[in-house]
């Protein structure tokens, strides 16, 4: 079976996000003062061939831990659906 995974990787809440801070500051410059607290991360989409959804979830979890996120500085969430 083929599964589609949607993964979001974000900086940990306790860490400074310089890119998000810069964008947040720029919001004021373009008249969007009501927008604040911007945090910028990455979105990853991938496909997994697996026998079951639980096996696909385990493979995505492993990919996130070993390659797609830096667990010292980032957190991740993902969802999986049959493709």
C-alpha atoms as a PDB file:
ATOM      1  CA  UNK A   1       0.000   0.000   0.000  1.00  0.00           C
ATOM      2  CA  UNK A   2       1.059   3.587  -0.558  1.00  0.00           C
ATOM      3  CA  UNK A   3       0.620   6.276   2.092  1.00  0.00           C
ATOM      4  CA  UNK A   4       1.033  10.036   1.883  1.00  0.00           C
ATOM      5  CA  UNK A   5       2.639  11.796   4.844  1.00  0.00           C
ATOM      6  CA  UNK A   6       2.374  15.522   5.568  1.00  0.00           C
ATOM      7  CA  UNK A   7       5.066  16.632   8.034  1.00  0.00           C
ATOM      8  CA  UNK A   8       5.430  19.999   9.756  1.00  0.00           C
ATOM      9  CA  UNK A   9       8.747  20.863  11.409  1.00  0.00           C
ATOM     10  CA  UNK A  10       8.861  23.958  13.638  1.00  0.00           C
ATOM     11  CA  UNK A  11      11.415  25.536  15.962  1.00  0.00           C
ATOM     12  CA  UNK A  12      10.919  24.628  19.605  1.00  0.00           C
ATOM     13  CA  UNK A  13       8.769  27.197  21.431  1.00  0.00           C
ATOM     14  CA  UNK A  14      11.562  27.965  23.908  1.00  0.00           C
ATOM     15  CA  UNK A  15      14.017  28.900  21.147  1.00  0.00           C
ATOM     16  CA  UNK A  16      14.386  32.188  19.313  1.00  0.00           C
ATOM     17  CA  UNK A  17      13.181  32.119  15.701  1.00  0.00           C
ATOM     18  CA  UNK A  18      15.148  34.915  13.944  1.00  0.00           C
ATOM     19  CA  UNK A  19      13.409  34.400  10.614  1.00  0.00           C
ATOM     20  CA  UNK A  20       9.981  34.532  12.246  1.00  0.00           C
ATOM     21  CA  UNK A  21      10.989  37.605  14.234  1.00  0.00           C
ATOM     22  CA  UNK A  22      12.102  39.405  11.062  1.00  0.00           C
ATOM     23  CA  UNK A  23       8.827  38.585   9.300  1.00  0.00           C
ATOM     24  CA  UNK A  24       6.852  39.610  12.372  1.00  0.00           C
ATOM     25  CA  UNK A  25       8.637  42.987  12.368  1.00  0.00           C
ATOM     26  CA  UNK A  26       7.972  43.436   8.657  1.00  0.00           C
ATOM     27  CA  UNK A  27       4.238  42.950   9.184  1.00  0.00           C
ATOM     28  CA  UNK A  28       4.140  46.344  10.903  1.00  0.00           C
ATOM     29  CA  UNK A  29       5.876  47.945   7.908  1.00  0.00           C
ATOM     30  CA  UNK A  30       3.149  46.782   5.522  1.00  0.00           C
ATOM     31  CA  UNK A  31       0.217  47.797   7.703  1.00  0.00           C
ATOM     32  CA  UNK A  32      -0.444  44.463   9.388  1.00  0.00           C
ATOM     33  CA  UNK A  33       0.233  45.521  12.984  1.00  0.00           C
ATOM     34  CA  UNK A  34      -2.287  43.011  14.331  1.00  0.00           C
ATOM     35  CA  UNK A  35      -0.113  40.061  13.208  1.00  0.00           C
ATOM     36  CA  UNK A  36       2.585  39.076  15.682  1.00  0.00           C
ATOM     37  CA  UNK A  37       4.446  36.052  16.987  1.00  0.00           C
ATOM     38  CA  UNK A  38       5.324  34.661  13.562  1.00  0.00           C
ATOM     39  CA  UNK A  39       7.258  31.360  13.643  1.00  0.00           C
ATOM     40  CA  UNK A  40       8.645  29.869  10.465  1.00  0.00           C
ATOM     41  CA  UNK A  41       9.290  26.185   9.871  1.00  0.00           C
ATOM     42  CA  UNK A  42       9.113  23.742   7.000  1.00  0.00           C
ATOM     43  CA  UNK A  43       6.480  21.503   5.480  1.00  0.00           C
ATOM     44  CA  UNK A  44       7.475  18.154   3.973  1.00  0.00           C
ATOM     45  CA  UNK A  45       5.317  15.831   1.900  1.00  0.00           C
ATOM     46  CA  UNK A  46       6.422  12.300   1.117  1.00  0.00           C
ATOM     47  CA  UNK A  47       5.057   8.923   0.104  1.00  0.00           C
ATOM     48  CA  UNK A  48       5.712   5.661   1.920  1.00  0.00           C
ATOM     49  CA  UNK A  49       5.208   2.126   0.647  1.00  0.00           C
ATOM     50  CA  UNK A  50       4.191  -0.021   3.612  1.00  0.00           C
ATOM     51  CA  UNK A  51       1.997  -2.986   4.502  1.00  0.00           C
ATOM     52  CA  UNK A  52      -0.102  -0.999   6.975  1.00  0.00           C
ATOM     53  CA  UNK A  53      -0.728   2.503   8.251  1.00  0.00           C
ATOM     54  CA  UNK A  54       1.048   1.719  11.521  1.00  0.00           C
ATOM     55  CA  UNK A  55       4.152   0.563   9.631  1.00  0.00           C
ATOM     56  CA  UNK A  56       4.060   3.734   7.513  1.00  0.00           C
ATOM     57  CA  UNK A  57       3.757   5.842  10.675  1.00  0.00           C
ATOM     58  CA  UNK A  58       6.779   4.090  12.186  1.00  0.00           C
ATOM     59  CA  UNK A  59       8.843   4.760   9.035  1.00  0.00           C
ATOM     60  CA  UNK A  60       7.862   8.440   8.977  1.00  0.00           C
ATOM     61  CA  UNK A  61       8.629   8.752  12.690  1.00  0.00           C
ATOM     62  CA  UNK A  62      12.081   7.281  12.073  1.00  0.00           C
ATOM     63  CA  UNK A  63      12.705   9.621   9.117  1.00  0.00           C
ATOM     64  CA  UNK A  64      11.712  12.630  11.220  1.00  0.00           C
ATOM     65  CA  UNK A  65      13.975  11.640  14.102  1.00  0.00           C
ATOM     66  CA  UNK A  66      16.986  10.659  11.989  1.00  0.00           C
ATOM     67  CA  UNK A  67      16.922  13.142   9.109  1.00  0.00           C
ATOM     68  CA  UNK A  68      14.038  15.574   8.716  1.00  0.00           C
ATOM     69  CA  UNK A  69      14.250  17.407  12.041  1.00  0.00           C
ATOM     70  CA  UNK A  70      16.928  18.452  14.482  1.00  0.00           C
ATOM     71  CA  UNK A  71      15.394  17.318  17.757  1.00  0.00           C
ATOM     72  CA  UNK A  72      17.608  19.650  19.774  1.00  0.00           C
ATOM     73  CA  UNK A  73      16.068  22.702  18.102  1.00  0.00           C
ATOM     74  CA  UNK A  74      12.888  21.527  16.371  1.00  0.00           C
ATOM     75  CA  UNK A  75       9.648  19.666  16.958  1.00  0.00           C
ATOM     76  CA  UNK A  76       7.557  17.879  14.356  1.00  0.00           C
ATOM     77  CA  UNK A  77       4.051  16.625  13.764  1.00  0.00           C
ATOM     78  CA  UNK A  78       2.741  14.534  10.910  1.00  0.00           C
ATOM     79  CA  UNK A  79      -0.387  12.985   9.481  1.00  0.00           C
ATOM     80  CA  UNK A  80      -0.664   9.976   7.203  1.00  0.00           C
ATOM     81  CA  UNK A  81      -3.393   8.973   4.794  1.00  0.00           C
ATOM     82  CA  UNK A  82      -3.713   6.296   2.168  1.00  0.00           C
ATOM     83  CA  UNK A  83      -2.571   7.626  -1.220  1.00  0.00           C
END
